[in-house]
Amino acid sequence: MFARLEQATWWLGAVFGLLHVAVALLALLPLLPGLHPRMASQRAGPASTAVLEPPGLLALNYGIQTPAVAIIAHLVYGAVLGALIEVG
């Protein structure tokens, strides 16, 4: 995206980091129970041998620290990447 926009700045990298973490926390993590064979789900029922708790929306089932650290890490990584990359 930096190359397509022909610019790379720390704030643009941070925006890309926020977009990435939003997709991960809002769309991808809630899909895990349907994909992971050992993760509990709504449709598995009481006879399930699942041993992992599903992450839930924003991965809040694992505590508030999980989405907080994910957001901070994506922001920092995107900002550093945007600051260090040379376009053109």
PDB file of N, CA and C in Angstrom:
ATOM      1  N   MET A   1       0.821  -1.188   0.000  1.00  0.00           N
ATOM      2  CA  MET A   1       0.000   0.000   0.000  1.00  0.00           C
ATOM      3  C   MET A   1       0.865   1.251   0.000  1.00  0.00           C
ATOM      4  N   PHE A   2       1.993   1.203   0.703  1.00  0.00           N
ATOM      5  CA  PHE A   2       2.880   2.363   0.683  1.00  0.00           C
ATOM      6  C   PHE A   2       3.329   2.667  -0.747  1.00  0.00           C
ATOM      7  N   ALA A   3       3.689   1.622  -1.481  1.00  0.00           N
ATOM      8  CA  ALA A   3       4.156   1.814  -2.848  1.00  0.00           C
ATOM      9  C   ALA A   3       3.034   2.337  -3.743  1.00  0.00           C
ATOM     10  N   ARG A   4       1.845   1.830  -3.563  1.00  0.00           N
ATOM     11  CA  ARG A   4       0.719   2.296  -4.374  1.00  0.00           C
ATOM     12  C   ARG A   4       0.393   3.760  -4.091  1.00  0.00           C
ATOM     13  N   LEU A   5       0.496   4.146  -2.834  1.00  0.00           N
ATOM     14  CA  LEU A   5       0.222   5.539  -2.469  1.00  0.00           C
ATOM     15  C   LEU A   5       1.427   6.445  -2.718  1.00  0.00           C
ATOM     16  N   GLU A   6       2.576   5.842  -2.987  1.00  0.00           N
ATOM     17  CA  GLU A   6       3.832   6.541  -3.248  1.00  0.00           C
ATOM     18  C   GLU A   6       4.240   7.454  -2.105  1.00  0.00           C
ATOM     19  N   GLN A   7       3.934   7.034  -0.898  1.00  0.00           N
ATOM     20  CA  GLN A   7       4.389   7.738   0.293  1.00  0.00           C
ATOM     21  C   GLN A   7       4.383   6.778   1.469  1.00  0.00           C
ATOM     22  N   ALA A   8       5.271   7.031   2.402  1.00  0.00           N
ATOM     23  CA  ALA A   8       5.344   6.223   3.613  1.00  0.00           C
ATOM     24  C   ALA A   8       5.660   7.146   4.784  1.00  0.00           C
ATOM     25  N   THR A   9       4.738   7.222   5.703  1.00  0.00           N
ATOM     26  CA  THR A   9       4.928   8.028   6.897  1.00  0.00           C
ATOM     27  C   THR A   9       4.563   7.188   8.110  1.00  0.00           C
ATOM     28  N   TRP A  10       5.005   7.630   9.269  1.00  0.00           N
ATOM     29  CA  TRP A  10       4.713   6.863  10.478  1.00  0.00           C
ATOM     30  C   TRP A  10       3.205   6.821  10.745  1.00  0.00           C
ATOM     31  N   TRP A  11       2.522   7.931  10.499  1.00  0.00           N
ATOM     32  CA  TRP A  11       1.088   7.963  10.785  1.00  0.00           C
ATOM     33  C   TRP A  11       0.286   7.112   9.795  1.00  0.00           C
ATOM     34  N   LEU A  12       0.749   7.043   8.541  1.00  0.00           N
ATOM     35  CA  LEU A  12       0.080   6.181   7.572  1.00  0.00           C
ATOM     36  C   LEU A  12       0.288   4.709   7.948  1.00  0.00           C
ATOM     37  N   GLY A  13       1.477   4.380   8.411  1.00  0.00           N
ATOM     38  CA  GLY A  13       1.736   3.029   8.895  1.00  0.00           C
ATOM     39  C   GLY A  13       0.866   2.672  10.092  1.00  0.00           C
ATOM     40  N   ALA A  14       0.670   3.639  10.988  1.00  0.00           N
ATOM     41  CA  ALA A  14      -0.188   3.410  12.150  1.00  0.00           C
ATOM     42  C   ALA A  14      -1.634   3.167  11.723  1.00  0.00           C
ATOM     43  N   VAL A  15      -2.088   3.904  10.720  1.00  0.00           N
ATOM     44  CA  VAL A  15      -3.455   3.699  10.196  1.00  0.00           C
ATOM     45  C   VAL A  15      -3.586   2.297   9.609  1.00  0.00           C
ATOM     46  N   PHE A  16      -2.585   1.870   8.830  1.00  0.00           N
ATOM     47  CA  PHE A  16      -2.613   0.517   8.273  1.00  0.00           C
ATOM     48  C   PHE A  16      -2.596  -0.523   9.392  1.00  0.00           C
ATOM     49  N   GLY A  17      -1.838  -0.270  10.450  1.00  0.00           N
ATOM     50  CA  GLY A  17      -1.823  -1.173  11.597  1.00  0.00           C
ATOM     51  C   GLY A  17      -3.187  -1.278  12.253  1.00  0.00           C
ATOM     52  N   LEU A  18      -3.865  -0.146  12.389  1.00  0.00           N
ATOM     53  CA  LEU A  18      -5.221  -0.156  12.962  1.00  0.00           C
ATOM     54  C   LEU A  18      -6.202  -0.917  12.089  1.00  0.00           C
ATOM     55  N   LEU A  19      -6.093  -0.731  10.781  1.00  0.00           N
ATOM     56  CA  LEU A  19      -6.976  -1.472   9.870  1.00  0.00           C
ATOM     57  C   LEU A  19      -6.727  -2.975   9.979  1.00  0.00           C
ATOM     58  N   HIS A  20      -5.468  -3.352  10.060  1.00  0.00           N
ATOM     59  CA  HIS A  20      -5.125  -4.770  10.145  1.00  0.00           C
ATOM     60  C   HIS A  20      -5.642  -5.386  11.438  1.00  0.00           C
ATOM     61  N   VAL A  21      -5.442  -4.723  12.552  1.00  0.00           N
ATOM     62  CA  VAL A  21      -5.899  -5.282  13.831  1.00  0.00           C
ATOM     63  C   VAL A  21      -7.429  -5.290  13.900  1.00  0.00           C
ATOM     64  N   ALA A  22      -8.093  -4.340  13.263  1.00  0.00           N
ATOM     65  CA  ALA A  22      -9.555  -4.346  13.246  1.00  0.00           C
ATOM     66  C   ALA A  22     -10.076  -5.574  12.512  1.00  0.00           C
ATOM     67  N   VAL A  23      -9.481  -5.888  11.370  1.00  0.00           N
ATOM     68  CA  VAL A  23      -9.890  -7.087  10.630  1.00  0.00           C
ATOM     69  C   VAL A  23      -9.605  -8.343  11.451  1.00  0.00           C
ATOM     70  N   ALA A  24      -8.445  -8.396  12.076  1.00  0.00           N
ATOM     71  CA  ALA A  24      -8.079  -9.582  12.857  1.00  0.00           C
ATOM     72  C   ALA A  24      -9.017  -9.794  14.039  1.00  0.00           C
ATOM     73  N   LEU A  25      -9.276  -8.737  14.810  1.00  0.00           N
ATOM     74  CA  LEU A  25     -10.084  -8.883  16.022  1.00  0.00           C
ATOM     75  C   LEU A  25     -11.583  -8.980  15.751  1.00  0.00           C
ATOM     76  N   LEU A  26     -12.046  -8.317  14.716  1.00  0.00           N
ATOM     77  CA  LEU A  26     -13.486  -8.297  14.453  1.00  0.00           C
ATOM     78  C   LEU A  26     -13.961  -9.375  13.487  1.00  0.00           C
ATOM     79  N   ALA A  27     -13.084  -9.833  12.597  1.00  0.00           N
ATOM     80  CA  ALA A  27     -13.524 -10.780  11.569  1.00  0.00           C
ATOM     81  C   ALA A  27     -12.844 -12.143  11.679  1.00  0.00           C
ATOM     82  N   LEU A  28     -11.545 -12.167  11.857  1.00  0.00           N
ATOM     83  CA  LEU A  28     -10.824 -13.442  11.806  1.00  0.00           C
ATOM     84  C   LEU A  28     -10.904 -14.244  13.108  1.00  0.00           C
ATOM     85  N   LEU A  29     -10.657 -13.617  14.245  1.00  0.00           N
ATOM     86  CA  LEU A  29     -10.685 -14.363  15.509  1.00  0.00           C
ATOM     87  C   LEU A  29     -12.054 -14.978  15.824  1.00  0.00           C
ATOM     88  N   PRO A  30     -13.166 -14.288  15.568  1.00  0.00           N
ATOM     89  CA  PRO A  30     -14.455 -14.942  15.811  1.00  0.00           C
ATOM     90  C   PRO A  30     -14.713 -16.178  14.938  1.00  0.00           C
ATOM     91  N   LEU A  31     -13.966 -16.346  13.854  1.00  0.00           N
ATOM     92  CA  LEU A  31     -14.126 -17.517  12.991  1.00  0.00           C
ATOM     93  C   LEU A  31     -13.377 -18.747  13.520  1.00  0.00           C
ATOM     94  N   LEU A  32     -12.469 -18.557  14.451  1.00  0.00           N
ATOM     95  CA  LEU A  32     -11.639 -19.667  14.935  1.00  0.00           C
ATOM     96  C   LEU A  32     -12.421 -20.868  15.457  1.00  0.00           C
ATOM     97  N   PRO A  33     -13.496 -20.706  16.223  1.00  0.00           N
ATOM     98  CA  PRO A  33     -14.207 -21.892  16.714  1.00  0.00           C
ATOM     99  C   PRO A  33     -14.706 -22.809  15.595  1.00  0.00           C
ATOM    100  N   GLY A  34     -15.004 -22.260  14.442  1.00  0.00           N
ATOM    101  CA  GLY A  34     -15.449 -23.082  13.323  1.00  0.00           C
ATOM    102  C   GLY A  34     -14.315 -23.807  12.622  1.00  0.00           C
ATOM    103  N   LEU A  35     -13.087 -23.367  12.855  1.00  0.00           N
ATOM    104  CA  LEU A  35     -11.939 -23.943  12.168  1.00  0.00           C
ATOM    105  C   LEU A  35     -11.078 -24.834  13.058  1.00  0.00           C
ATOM    106  N   HIS A  36     -10.947 -24.468  14.321  1.00  0.00           N
ATOM    107  CA  HIS A  36     -10.051 -25.192  15.230  1.00  0.00           C
ATOM    108  C   HIS A  36     -10.789 -26.378  15.856  1.00  0.00           C
ATOM    109  N   PRO A  37     -10.279 -27.591  15.711  1.00  0.00           N
ATOM    110  CA  PRO A  37     -10.999 -28.769  16.202  1.00  0.00           C
ATOM    111  C   PRO A  37     -11.076 -28.878  17.726  1.00  0.00           C
ATOM    112  N   ARG A  38     -10.202 -28.210  18.454  1.00  0.00           N
ATOM    113  CA  ARG A  38     -10.206 -28.324  19.912  1.00  0.00           C
ATOM    114  C   ARG A  38     -10.770 -27.091  20.606  1.00  0.00           C
ATOM    115  N   MET A  39     -11.406 -26.204  19.844  1.00  0.00           N
ATOM    116  CA  MET A  39     -11.955 -24.985  20.425  1.00  0.00           C
ATOM    117  C   MET A  39     -13.467 -25.134  20.573  1.00  0.00           C
ATOM    118  N   ALA A  40     -13.969 -24.735  21.723  1.00  0.00           N
ATOM    119  CA  ALA A  40     -15.405 -24.819  21.986  1.00  0.00           C
ATOM    120  C   ALA A  40     -16.167 -23.898  21.038  1.00  0.00           C
ATOM    121  N   SER A  41     -17.403 -24.298  20.715  1.00  0.00           N
ATOM    122  CA  SER A  41     -18.252 -23.475  19.858  1.00  0.00           C
ATOM    123  C   SER A  41     -19.699 -23.640  20.280  1.00  0.00           C
ATOM    124  N   GLN A  42     -20.562 -22.799  19.758  1.00  0.00           N
ATOM    125  CA  GLN A  42     -21.985 -22.849  20.083  1.00  0.00           C
ATOM    126  C   GLN A  42     -22.638 -24.138  19.590  1.00  0.00           C
ATOM    127  N   ARG A  43     -22.163 -24.668  18.486  1.00  0.00           N
ATOM    128  CA  ARG A  43     -22.814 -25.838  17.879  1.00  0.00           C
ATOM    129  C   ARG A  43     -22.247 -27.166  18.354  1.00  0.00           C
ATOM    130  N   ALA A  44     -21.146 -27.171  19.124  1.00  0.00           N
ATOM    131  CA  ALA A  44     -20.503 -28.419  19.527  1.00  0.00           C
ATOM    132  C   ALA A  44     -21.335 -29.200  20.545  1.00  0.00           C
ATOM    133  N   GLY A  45     -22.020 -28.500  21.431  1.00  0.00           N
ATOM    134  CA  GLY A  45     -22.855 -29.174  22.415  1.00  0.00           C
ATOM    135  C   GLY A  45     -22.079 -29.649  23.630  1.00  0.00           C
ATOM    136  N   PRO A  46     -22.783 -30.215  24.617  1.00  0.00           N
ATOM    137  CA  PRO A  46     -22.150 -30.613  25.878  1.00  0.00           C
ATOM    138  C   PRO A  46     -21.221 -31.826  25.755  1.00  0.00           C
ATOM    139  N   ALA A  47     -21.347 -32.613  24.717  1.00  0.00           N
ATOM    140  CA  ALA A  47     -20.495 -33.797  24.564  1.00  0.00           C
ATOM    141  C   ALA A  47     -19.151 -33.446  23.933  1.00  0.00           C
ATOM    142  N   SER A  48     -18.903 -32.185  23.719  1.00  0.00           N
ATOM    143  CA  SER A  48     -17.675 -31.739  23.062  1.00  0.00           C
ATOM    144  C   SER A  48     -16.452 -32.041  23.924  1.00  0.00           C
ATOM    145  N   THR A  49     -15.351 -32.377  23.261  1.00  0.00           N
ATOM    146  CA  THR A  49     -14.078 -32.596  23.968  1.00  0.00           C
ATOM    147  C   THR A  49     -13.177 -31.375  23.835  1.00  0.00           C
ATOM    148  N   ALA A  50     -13.767 -30.230  23.509  1.00  0.00           N
ATOM    149  CA  ALA A  50     -13.002 -29.002  23.326  1.00  0.00           C
ATOM    150  C   ALA A  50     -12.325 -28.605  24.628  1.00  0.00           C
ATOM    151  N   VAL A  51     -11.122 -28.123  24.506  1.00  0.00           N
ATOM    152  CA  VAL A  51     -10.376 -27.691  25.684  1.00  0.00           C
ATOM    153  C   VAL A  51      -9.987 -26.215  25.610  1.00  0.00           C
ATOM    154  N   LEU A  52     -10.242 -25.575  24.501  1.00  0.00           N
ATOM    155  CA  LEU A  52      -9.893 -24.170  24.343  1.00  0.00           C
ATOM    156  C   LEU A  52     -11.145 -23.312  24.338  1.00  0.00           C
ATOM    157  N   GLU A  53     -11.097 -22.214  25.055  1.00  0.00           N
ATOM    158  CA  GLU A  53     -12.208 -21.276  25.078  1.00  0.00           C
ATOM    159  C   GLU A  53     -12.178 -20.448  23.797  1.00  0.00           C
ATOM    160  N   PRO A  54     -13.327 -20.204  23.184  1.00  0.00           N
ATOM    161  CA  PRO A  54     -13.337 -19.368  21.976  1.00  0.00           C
ATOM    162  C   PRO A  54     -12.968 -17.927  22.334  1.00  0.00           C
ATOM    163  N   PRO A  55     -12.323 -17.214  21.408  1.00  0.00           N
ATOM    164  CA  PRO A  55     -11.880 -15.862  21.732  1.00  0.00           C
ATOM    165  C   PRO A  55     -13.005 -14.848  21.879  1.00  0.00           C
ATOM    166  N   GLY A  56     -14.086 -15.015  21.134  1.00  0.00           N
ATOM    167  CA  GLY A  56     -15.175 -14.052  21.183  1.00  0.00           C
ATOM    168  C   GLY A  56     -14.825 -12.783  20.433  1.00  0.00           C
ATOM    169  N   LEU A  57     -15.748 -11.845  20.397  1.00  0.00           N
ATOM    170  CA  LEU A  57     -15.540 -10.585  19.693  1.00  0.00           C
ATOM    171  C   LEU A  57     -14.409  -9.802  20.344  1.00  0.00           C
ATOM    172  N   LEU A  58     -13.493  -9.334  19.569  1.00  0.00           N
ATOM    173  CA  LEU A  58     -12.310  -8.594  20.020  1.00  0.00           C
ATOM    174  C   LEU A  58     -11.404  -9.430  20.920  1.00  0.00           C
ATOM    175  N   ALA A  59     -11.601 -10.729  20.978  1.00  0.00           N
ATOM    176  CA  ALA A  59     -10.827 -11.643  21.822  1.00  0.00           C
ATOM    177  C   ALA A  59     -10.984 -11.298  23.298  1.00  0.00           C
ATOM    178  N   LEU A  60     -12.112 -10.728  23.668  1.00  0.00           N
ATOM    179  CA  LEU A  60     -12.329 -10.314  25.055  1.00  0.00           C
ATOM    180  C   LEU A  60     -12.496 -11.481  26.022  1.00  0.00           C
ATOM    181  N   ASN A  61     -12.771 -12.687  25.510  1.00  0.00           N
ATOM    182  CA  ASN A  61     -12.861 -13.848  26.400  1.00  0.00           C
ATOM    183  C   ASN A  61     -11.512 -14.178  27.027  1.00  0.00           C
ATOM    184  N   TYR A  62     -10.442 -13.650  26.462  1.00  0.00           N
ATOM    185  CA  TYR A  62      -9.096 -13.881  26.997  1.00  0.00           C
ATOM    186  C   TYR A  62      -8.634 -12.724  27.875  1.00  0.00           C
ATOM    187  N   GLY A  63      -9.516 -11.774  28.144  1.00  0.00           N
ATOM    188  CA  GLY A  63      -9.187 -10.630  28.988  1.00  0.00           C
ATOM    189  C   GLY A  63      -9.023  -9.359  28.169  1.00  0.00           C
ATOM    190  N   ILE A  64      -9.153  -8.238  28.849  1.00  0.00           N
ATOM    191  CA  ILE A  64      -9.052  -6.942  28.188  1.00  0.00           C
ATOM    192  C   ILE A  64      -7.632  -6.681  27.680  1.00  0.00           C
ATOM    193  N   GLN A  65      -6.644  -7.350  28.283  1.00  0.00           N
ATOM    194  CA  GLN A  65      -5.257  -7.143  27.864  1.00  0.00           C
ATOM    195  C   GLN A  65      -5.011  -7.648  26.448  1.00  0.00           C
ATOM    196  N   THR A  66      -5.713  -8.672  26.019  1.00  0.00           N
ATOM    197  CA  THR A  66      -5.486  -9.250  24.695  1.00  0.00           C
ATOM    198  C   THR A  66      -5.750  -8.245  23.575  1.00  0.00           C
ATOM    199  N   PRO A  67      -6.937  -7.639  23.492  1.00  0.00           N
ATOM    200  CA  PRO A  67      -7.123  -6.660  22.426  1.00  0.00           C
ATOM    201  C   PRO A  67      -6.270  -5.409  22.633  1.00  0.00           C
ATOM    202  N   ALA A  68      -6.035  -5.017  23.877  1.00  0.00           N
ATOM    203  CA  ALA A  68      -5.222  -3.830  24.136  1.00  0.00           C
ATOM    204  C   ALA A  68      -3.802  -4.017  23.617  1.00  0.00           C
ATOM    205  N   VAL A  69      -3.190  -5.151  23.927  1.00  0.00           N
ATOM    206  CA  VAL A  69      -1.827  -5.414  23.462  1.00  0.00           C
ATOM    207  C   VAL A  69      -1.806  -5.591  21.946  1.00  0.00           C
ATOM    208  N   ALA A  70      -2.806  -6.243  21.391  1.00  0.00           N
ATOM    209  CA  ALA A  70      -2.859  -6.425  19.934  1.00  0.00           C
ATOM    210  C   ALA A  70      -2.938  -5.079  19.224  1.00  0.00           C
ATOM    211  N   ILE A  71      -3.761  -4.182  19.722  1.00  0.00           N
ATOM    212  CA  ILE A  71      -3.910  -2.862  19.101  1.00  0.00           C
ATOM    213  C   ILE A  71      -2.608  -2.068  19.216  1.00  0.00           C
ATOM    214  N   ILE A  72      -2.024  -2.046  20.401  1.00  0.00           N
ATOM    215  CA  ILE A  72      -0.766  -1.311  20.596  1.00  0.00           C
ATOM    216  C   ILE A  72       0.340  -1.882  19.722  1.00  0.00           C
ATOM    217  N   ALA A  73       0.449  -3.198  19.670  1.00  0.00           N
ATOM    218  CA  ALA A  73       1.500  -3.832  18.873  1.00  0.00           C
ATOM    219  C   ALA A  73       1.333  -3.517  17.387  1.00  0.00           C
ATOM    220  N   HIS A  74       0.102  -3.556  16.881  1.00  0.00           N
ATOM    221  CA  HIS A  74      -0.133  -3.249  15.473  1.00  0.00           C
ATOM    222  C   HIS A  74       0.143  -1.770  15.167  1.00  0.00           C
ATOM    223  N   LEU A  75      -0.227  -0.896  16.085  1.00  0.00           N
ATOM    224  CA  LEU A  75       0.061   0.527  15.903  1.00  0.00           C
ATOM    225  C   LEU A  75       1.563   0.787  15.852  1.00  0.00           C
ATOM    226  N   VAL A  76       2.294   0.225  16.796  1.00  0.00           N
ATOM    227  CA  VAL A  76       3.744   0.433  16.850  1.00  0.00           C
ATOM    228  C   VAL A  76       4.418  -0.161  15.622  1.00  0.00           C
ATOM    229  N   TYR A  77       4.065  -1.384  15.273  1.00  0.00           N
ATOM    230  CA  TYR A  77       4.678  -2.024  14.104  1.00  0.00           C
ATOM    231  C   TYR A  77       4.410  -1.219  12.830  1.00  0.00           C
ATOM    232  N   GLY A  78       3.171  -0.801  12.620  1.00  0.00           N
ATOM    233  CA  GLY A  78       2.828  -0.024  11.436  1.00  0.00           C
ATOM    234  C   GLY A  78       3.555   1.307  11.410  1.00  0.00           C
ATOM    235  N   ALA A  79       3.636   1.983  12.555  1.00  0.00           N
ATOM    236  CA  ALA A  79       4.326   3.279  12.610  1.00  0.00           C
ATOM    237  C   ALA A  79       5.810   3.123  12.328  1.00  0.00           C
ATOM    238  N   VAL A  80       6.442   2.114  12.898  1.00  0.00           N
ATOM    239  CA  VAL A  80       7.869   1.885  12.654  1.00  0.00           C
ATOM    240  C   VAL A  80       8.093   1.519  11.189  1.00  0.00           C
ATOM    241  N   LEU A  81       7.263   0.653  10.653  1.00  0.00           N
ATOM    242  CA  LEU A  81       7.389   0.267   9.247  1.00  0.00           C
ATOM    243  C   LEU A  81       7.238   1.485   8.332  1.00  0.00           C
ATOM    244  N   GLY A  82       6.233   2.300   8.597  1.00  0.00           N
ATOM    245  CA  GLY A  82       6.009   3.495   7.785  1.00  0.00           C
ATOM    246  C   GLY A  82       7.139   4.493   7.890  1.00  0.00           C
ATOM    247  N   ALA A  83       7.765   4.578   9.070  1.00  0.00           N
ATOM    248  CA  ALA A  83       8.858   5.514   9.258  1.00  0.00           C
ATOM    249  C   ALA A  83      10.147   5.036   8.582  1.00  0.00           C
ATOM    250  N   LEU A  84      10.341   3.737   8.529  1.00  0.00           N
ATOM    251  CA  LEU A  84      11.615   3.196   8.021  1.00  0.00           C
ATOM    252  C   LEU A  84      11.620   2.827   6.546  1.00  0.00           C
ATOM    253  N   ILE A  85      10.474   2.582   5.978  1.00  0.00           N
ATOM    254  CA  ILE A  85      10.428   2.134   4.589  1.00  0.00           C
ATOM    255  C   ILE A  85      10.683   3.307   3.633  1.00  0.00           C
ATOM    256  N   GLU A  86      11.379   3.028   2.574  1.00  0.00           N
ATOM    257  CA  GLU A  86      11.627   4.040   1.538  1.00  0.00           C
ATOM    258  C   GLU A  86      10.819   3.681   0.301  1.00  0.00           C
ATOM    259  N   VAL A  87      10.011   4.605  -0.160  1.00  0.00           N
ATOM    260  CA  VAL A  87       9.160   4.377  -1.323  1.00  0.00           C
ATOM    261  C   VAL A  87       9.749   5.117  -2.522  1.00  0.00           C
ATOM    262  N   GLY A  88       9.762   4.413  -3.642  1.00  0.00           N
ATOM    263  CA  GLY A  88      10.171   5.068  -4.867  1.00  0.00           C
ATOM    264  C   GLY A  88      11.554   4.762  -5.223  1.00  0.00           C
TER     265      GLY A  88
END
